[in-house]
Amino acid sequence: MLITPAYAQAAGAASQENTLLTFLPMVAIFVVFYFLLIRPQQKKQKEARAMLDALEKGNEVATAGGILGRIVKLDEQYATIEIAPNTQIVVQRSAISQLLPKGTLKGL
């Protein structure tokens, strides 16, 4: 009679350890996803936001649609880009994907 309760206690303690070990792979997967996916994406968004905030009149830019041009006017949400002599388009600031080095448009 004394042996049966001892087995029951040992089995109960083992099941608590198994529960903790069951969640360990899920925690490890979350940590891997954080460092490989979430953190780099946040860093990229932060750099893009800083680039959009640093835009100035006269900068040469590329839009998300692949249009290259020079900024002639900036508003809070919109930018007017000159894509050819006397040809201007208005785009959202968020549509500007890349800031080009000075003189890039002359080389094309």
Protein backbone atom coordinates (compact mmCIF):
# COMPACT_ATOMS: atom_id res chain seq x y z
CA MET A 1 0.00 0.00 0.00
CA LEU A 2 2.77 2.44 0.64
CA ILE A 3 4.37 1.88 -2.75
CA THR A 4 1.35 3.02 -4.80
CA PRO A 5 1.21 6.62 -3.45
CA ALA A 6 4.96 6.97 -4.04
CA TYR A 7 4.50 6.16 -7.75
CA ALA A 8 1.65 8.64 -8.01
CA GLN A 9 3.77 11.45 -6.58
CA ALA A 10 6.68 10.73 -8.89
CA ALA A 11 4.41 10.69 -11.94
CA GLY A 12 2.86 14.02 -10.96
CA ALA A 13 6.25 15.72 -10.64
CA ALA A 14 7.37 14.34 -13.99
CA SER A 15 4.27 15.70 -15.73
CA GLN A 16 5.05 19.21 -14.45
CA GLU A 17 8.55 19.00 -15.90
CA ASN A 18 7.15 17.73 -19.21
CA THR A 19 4.82 20.72 -19.39
CA LEU A 20 7.75 23.11 -19.07
CA LEU A 21 9.76 21.19 -21.65
CA THR A 22 6.78 21.26 -24.01
CA PHE A 23 6.78 25.06 -24.15
CA LEU A 24 10.56 25.35 -24.51
CA PRO A 25 10.63 24.73 -28.32
CA MET A 26 7.88 27.31 -28.88
CA VAL A 27 9.84 29.89 -26.90
CA ALA A 28 13.00 29.03 -28.82
CA ILE A 29 11.18 29.42 -32.16
CA PHE A 30 9.84 32.83 -31.11
CA VAL A 31 13.35 33.97 -30.15
CA VAL A 32 14.71 32.82 -33.53
CA PHE A 33 11.87 34.59 -35.39
CA TYR A 34 12.51 37.76 -33.41
CA PHE A 35 16.20 37.93 -34.28
CA LEU A 36 15.89 36.73 -37.89
CA LEU A 37 12.64 38.41 -39.01
CA ILE A 38 11.11 40.96 -36.66
CA ARG A 39 14.20 42.90 -35.54
CA PRO A 40 15.71 43.39 -39.04
CA GLN A 41 12.32 44.52 -40.40
CA GLN A 42 11.98 47.11 -37.64
CA LYS A 43 15.49 48.36 -38.37
CA LYS A 44 14.69 48.66 -42.08
CA GLN A 45 11.48 50.60 -41.35
CA LYS A 46 13.38 52.95 -39.06
CA GLU A 47 15.99 53.65 -41.77
CA ALA A 48 13.27 54.27 -44.38
CA ARG A 49 11.46 56.68 -42.05
CA ALA A 50 14.73 58.56 -41.40
CA MET A 51 15.39 58.78 -45.16
CA LEU A 52 11.91 60.20 -45.82
CA ASP A 53 12.32 62.75 -43.03
CA ALA A 54 15.69 63.86 -44.42
CA LEU A 55 14.42 64.59 -47.95
CA GLU A 56 15.19 68.07 -49.26
CA LYS A 57 14.46 70.10 -52.35
CA GLY A 58 16.98 69.21 -55.08
CA ASN A 59 17.53 65.58 -53.98
CA GLU A 60 17.47 62.94 -56.69
CA VAL A 61 15.14 60.08 -55.82
CA ALA A 62 13.62 56.86 -57.16
CA THR A 63 9.98 56.05 -56.51
CA ALA A 64 8.53 52.66 -55.71
CA GLY A 65 7.25 52.54 -59.29
CA GLY A 66 10.76 53.00 -60.71
CA ILE A 67 10.46 56.64 -61.73
CA LEU A 68 13.64 58.69 -61.31
CA GLY A 69 13.56 62.42 -60.76
CA ARG A 70 14.60 65.47 -58.79
CA ILE A 71 12.50 66.90 -55.96
CA VAL A 72 11.31 70.44 -56.73
CA LYS A 73 8.73 70.86 -53.94
CA LEU A 74 8.06 69.11 -50.63
CA ASP A 75 4.91 69.12 -48.53
CA GLU A 76 4.04 67.24 -45.36
CA GLN A 77 2.62 64.25 -47.29
CA TYR A 78 3.48 64.91 -50.95
CA ALA A 79 6.55 65.58 -53.08
CA THR A 80 6.63 67.15 -56.51
CA ILE A 81 9.25 65.45 -58.68
CA GLU A 82 10.63 66.73 -61.96
CA ILE A 83 11.12 63.69 -64.19
CA ALA A 84 12.04 65.62 -67.37
CA PRO A 85 12.48 69.30 -68.24
CA ASN A 86 9.12 71.02 -67.60
CA THR A 87 7.50 67.69 -66.60
CA GLN A 88 6.53 67.33 -62.97
CA ILE A 89 4.54 64.71 -61.08
CA VAL A 90 3.17 64.70 -57.54
CA VAL A 91 3.75 61.57 -55.47
CA GLN A 92 3.23 60.66 -51.85
CA ARG A 93 6.37 60.88 -49.75
CA SER A 94 5.94 57.24 -48.77
CA ALA A 95 6.20 56.30 -52.47
CA ILE A 96 9.82 57.46 -52.53
CA SER A 97 11.87 54.34 -52.03
CA GLN A 98 15.45 55.44 -52.55
CA LEU A 99 17.60 58.54 -52.28
CA LEU A 100 20.08 58.60 -55.17
CA PRO A 101 23.58 60.11 -55.12
CA LYS A 102 23.95 63.57 -56.67
CA GLY A 103 24.56 63.48 -60.42
CA THR A 104 22.88 60.12 -61.01
CA LEU A 105 20.30 61.59 -63.38
CA LYS A 106 22.94 63.34 -65.52
CA GLY A 107 24.63 60.00 -66.13
CA LEU A 108 21.51 58.47 -67.61
